[in-house]
Amino acid sequence: MKFICKDFWTTVFKKQIDNLRTNHQGIYVLQDNKFRLLTQMSAGKQYLEHASKYLAFTCGLIRGGLSNLGIKSIVTAEVSSMPACKLNSYSLKMVLVIIFSSLVFFCLFC
């Protein structure tokens, strides 16, 4: 993920990610406080609910970059205040563990 935050992000968006956090279990949160694709829309709050749609391309870029490194993942985006955005990356292995745990819990209490 450090490669994605430093080299990959710098090559594509001309700056590094502002913040990278992890829970050490396969979930990473990348935060860009001044995301280039949202700066033009950040003048009005009417675009806030639609802003995450514009991040689908970026989610695909990150997922593709990780896939080329051999890491299967799911990448989602959220925007709480523009032009900042958070991108969440879940390793596919961790997602399968969460789904399996949910199924076991559901079966135990049904």
C-alpha atoms as a PDB file:
ATOM      1  CA  MET A   1       0.000   0.000   0.000  1.00  0.00           C
ATOM      2  CA  LYS A   2       2.934   2.330   0.533  1.00  0.00           C
ATOM      3  CA  PHE A   3       3.725   1.914  -3.173  1.00  0.00           C
ATOM      4  CA  ILE A   4       0.140   2.913  -4.050  1.00  0.00           C
ATOM      5  CA  CYS A   5       0.247   5.937  -1.720  1.00  0.00           C
ATOM      6  CA  LYS A   6       3.636   7.246  -2.741  1.00  0.00           C
ATOM      7  CA  ASP A   7       4.667   6.224  -6.236  1.00  0.00           C
ATOM      8  CA  PHE A   8       1.392   5.233  -7.911  1.00  0.00           C
ATOM      9  CA  TRP A   9      -0.687   8.144  -6.567  1.00  0.00           C
ATOM     10  CA  THR A  10       2.096  10.637  -7.319  1.00  0.00           C
ATOM     11  CA  THR A  11       2.361   9.412 -10.905  1.00  0.00           C
ATOM     12  CA  VAL A  12      -1.385   9.655 -11.529  1.00  0.00           C
ATOM     13  CA  PHE A  13      -2.412  12.696  -9.426  1.00  0.00           C
ATOM     14  CA  LYS A  14       0.882  14.598  -8.982  1.00  0.00           C
ATOM     15  CA  LYS A  15       0.832  14.360  -5.174  1.00  0.00           C
ATOM     16  CA  GLN A  16       1.090  11.755  -2.436  1.00  0.00           C
ATOM     17  CA  ILE A  17      -1.840  10.468  -0.397  1.00  0.00           C
ATOM     18  CA  ASP A  18      -2.272  12.636   2.695  1.00  0.00           C
ATOM     19  CA  ASN A  19      -3.000   9.813   5.121  1.00  0.00           C
ATOM     20  CA  LEU A  20      -2.809   6.008   5.155  1.00  0.00           C
ATOM     21  CA  ARG A  21      -4.368   4.038   7.986  1.00  0.00           C
ATOM     22  CA  THR A  22      -4.760   0.334   8.599  1.00  0.00           C
ATOM     23  CA  ASN A  23      -6.305  -1.972  11.163  1.00  0.00           C
ATOM     24  CA  HIS A  24      -3.518  -4.532  10.516  1.00  0.00           C
ATOM     25  CA  GLN A  25      -6.121  -7.063   9.358  1.00  0.00           C
ATOM     26  CA  GLY A  26      -6.245  -6.272   5.654  1.00  0.00           C
ATOM     27  CA  ILE A  27      -8.269  -3.042   5.662  1.00  0.00           C
ATOM     28  CA  TYR A  28      -6.552   0.155   4.513  1.00  0.00           C
ATOM     29  CA  VAL A  29      -7.985   3.675   4.414  1.00  0.00           C
ATOM     30  CA  LEU A  30      -6.325   6.132   2.040  1.00  0.00           C
ATOM     31  CA  GLN A  31      -7.231   9.786   2.531  1.00  0.00           C
ATOM     32  CA  ASP A  32      -6.640  12.622   0.091  1.00  0.00           C
ATOM     33  CA  ASN A  33      -7.611  15.990   1.572  1.00  0.00           C
ATOM     34  CA  LYS A  34      -7.535  17.833  -1.763  1.00  0.00           C
ATOM     35  CA  PHE A  35      -8.479  15.266  -4.391  1.00  0.00           C
ATOM     36  CA  ARG A  36      -7.917  16.648  -7.886  1.00  0.00           C
ATOM     37  CA  LEU A  37     -11.027  15.141  -9.466  1.00  0.00           C
ATOM     38  CA  LEU A  38     -13.267  16.799  -6.861  1.00  0.00           C
ATOM     39  CA  THR A  39     -11.713  20.267  -6.614  1.00  0.00           C
ATOM     40  CA  GLN A  40     -13.763  21.650  -9.507  1.00  0.00           C
ATOM     41  CA  MET A  41     -17.005  20.399  -7.941  1.00  0.00           C
ATOM     42  CA  SER A  42     -16.155  21.473  -4.402  1.00  0.00           C
ATOM     43  CA  ALA A  43     -17.617  24.967  -4.815  1.00  0.00           C
ATOM     44  CA  GLY A  44     -21.170  23.801  -4.142  1.00  0.00           C
ATOM     45  CA  LYS A  45     -22.583  21.354  -1.614  1.00  0.00           C
ATOM     46  CA  GLN A  46     -25.231  20.147  -4.080  1.00  0.00           C
ATOM     47  CA  TYR A  47     -22.655  17.782  -5.593  1.00  0.00           C
ATOM     48  CA  LEU A  48     -21.695  16.069  -2.335  1.00  0.00           C
ATOM     49  CA  GLU A  49     -24.082  13.127  -2.669  1.00  0.00           C
ATOM     50  CA  HIS A  50     -22.969  12.495  -6.268  1.00  0.00           C
ATOM     51  CA  ALA A  51     -19.238  12.933  -5.645  1.00  0.00           C
ATOM     52  CA  SER A  52     -18.578   9.271  -4.848  1.00  0.00           C
ATOM     53  CA  LYS A  53     -19.761   8.329  -8.366  1.00  0.00           C
ATOM     54  CA  TYR A  54     -16.836  10.277  -9.775  1.00  0.00           C
ATOM     55  CA  LEU A  55     -14.462   8.190  -7.681  1.00  0.00           C
ATOM     56  CA  ALA A  56     -15.353   4.891  -9.384  1.00  0.00           C
ATOM     57  CA  PHE A  57     -12.498   5.362 -11.869  1.00  0.00           C
ATOM     58  CA  THR A  58     -10.044   5.960  -9.038  1.00  0.00           C
ATOM     59  CA  CYS A  59     -11.269   2.866  -7.179  1.00  0.00           C
ATOM     60  CA  GLY A  60     -10.671   0.886 -10.362  1.00  0.00           C
ATOM     61  CA  LEU A  61      -7.161   2.314 -10.696  1.00  0.00           C
ATOM     62  CA  ILE A  62      -6.249   1.239  -7.167  1.00  0.00           C
ATOM     63  CA  ARG A  63      -7.855  -2.181  -7.566  1.00  0.00           C
ATOM     64  CA  GLY A  64      -6.045  -2.704 -10.871  1.00  0.00           C
ATOM     65  CA  GLY A  65      -2.717  -1.600  -9.412  1.00  0.00           C
ATOM     66  CA  LEU A  66      -3.084  -3.981  -6.499  1.00  0.00           C
ATOM     67  CA  SER A  67      -4.216  -6.772  -8.811  1.00  0.00           C
ATOM     68  CA  ASN A  68      -1.071  -6.353 -10.908  1.00  0.00           C
ATOM     69  CA  LEU A  69       0.905  -6.747  -7.690  1.00  0.00           C
ATOM     70  CA  GLY A  70      -0.957 -10.017  -7.014  1.00  0.00           C
ATOM     71  CA  ILE A  71      -3.292  -8.620  -4.345  1.00  0.00           C
ATOM     72  CA  LYS A  72      -7.004  -9.248  -4.920  1.00  0.00           C
ATOM     73  CA  SER A  73      -9.052  -6.497  -3.294  1.00  0.00           C
ATOM     74  CA  ILE A  74     -12.270  -4.532  -3.136  1.00  0.00           C
ATOM     75  CA  VAL A  75     -11.947  -0.744  -3.173  1.00  0.00           C
ATOM     76  CA  THR A  76     -14.721   1.647  -2.134  1.00  0.00           C
ATOM     77  CA  ALA A  77     -14.856   5.426  -1.840  1.00  0.00           C
ATOM     78  CA  GLU A  78     -16.599   7.899   0.432  1.00  0.00           C
ATOM     79  CA  VAL A  79     -16.796  11.669   0.472  1.00  0.00           C
ATOM     80  CA  SER A  80     -17.873  13.486   3.626  1.00  0.00           C
ATOM     81  CA  SER A  81     -16.574  16.964   2.776  1.00  0.00           C
ATOM     82  CA  MET A  82     -15.312  18.090  -0.584  1.00  0.00           C
ATOM     83  CA  PRO A  83     -12.691  18.029  -2.030  1.00  0.00           C
ATOM     84  CA  ALA A  84     -11.479  15.418   0.491  1.00  0.00           C
ATOM     85  CA  CYS A  85     -12.113  11.726  -0.108  1.00  0.00           C
ATOM     86  CA  LYS A  86     -11.438   8.412   1.611  1.00  0.00           C
ATOM     87  CA  LEU A  87     -10.716   5.238  -0.302  1.00  0.00           C
ATOM     88  CA  ASN A  88     -11.126   1.954   1.550  1.00  0.00           C
ATOM     89  CA  SER A  89      -9.230  -1.093   0.334  1.00  0.00           C
ATOM     90  CA  TYR A  90     -10.187  -4.533   1.622  1.00  0.00           C
ATOM     91  CA  SER A  91      -8.079  -7.530   0.744  1.00  0.00           C
ATOM     92  CA  LEU A  92     -10.290 -10.228  -0.760  1.00  0.00           C
ATOM     93  CA  LYS A  93      -9.044 -12.686   1.843  1.00  0.00           C
ATOM     94  CA  MET A  94     -10.353 -10.414   4.619  1.00  0.00           C
ATOM     95  CA  VAL A  95     -13.716  -9.958   2.869  1.00  0.00           C
ATOM     96  CA  LEU A  96     -14.168 -13.736   2.659  1.00  0.00           C
ATOM     97  CA  VAL A  97     -13.407 -14.056   6.393  1.00  0.00           C
ATOM     98  CA  ILE A  98     -16.027 -11.383   7.195  1.00  0.00           C
ATOM     99  CA  ILE A  99     -18.648 -13.066   4.984  1.00  0.00           C
ATOM    100  CA  PHE A 100     -17.923 -16.489   6.474  1.00  0.00           C
ATOM    101  CA  SER A 101     -18.096 -15.099  10.026  1.00  0.00           C
ATOM    102  CA  SER A 102     -21.439 -13.443   9.242  1.00  0.00           C
ATOM    103  CA  LEU A 103     -22.832 -16.690   7.852  1.00  0.00           C
ATOM    104  CA  VAL A 104     -21.718 -18.655  10.903  1.00  0.00           C
ATOM    105  CA  PHE A 105     -23.256 -16.046  13.207  1.00  0.00           C
ATOM    106  CA  PHE A 106     -26.502 -16.104  11.194  1.00  0.00           C
ATOM    107  CA  CYS A 107     -26.677 -19.913  11.277  1.00  0.00           C
ATOM    108  CA  LEU A 108     -26.054 -20.039  15.017  1.00  0.00           C
ATOM    109  CA  PHE A 109     -28.932 -17.710  15.858  1.00  0.00           C
ATOM    110  CA  CYS A 110     -31.543 -18.844  13.324  1.00  0.00           C
END
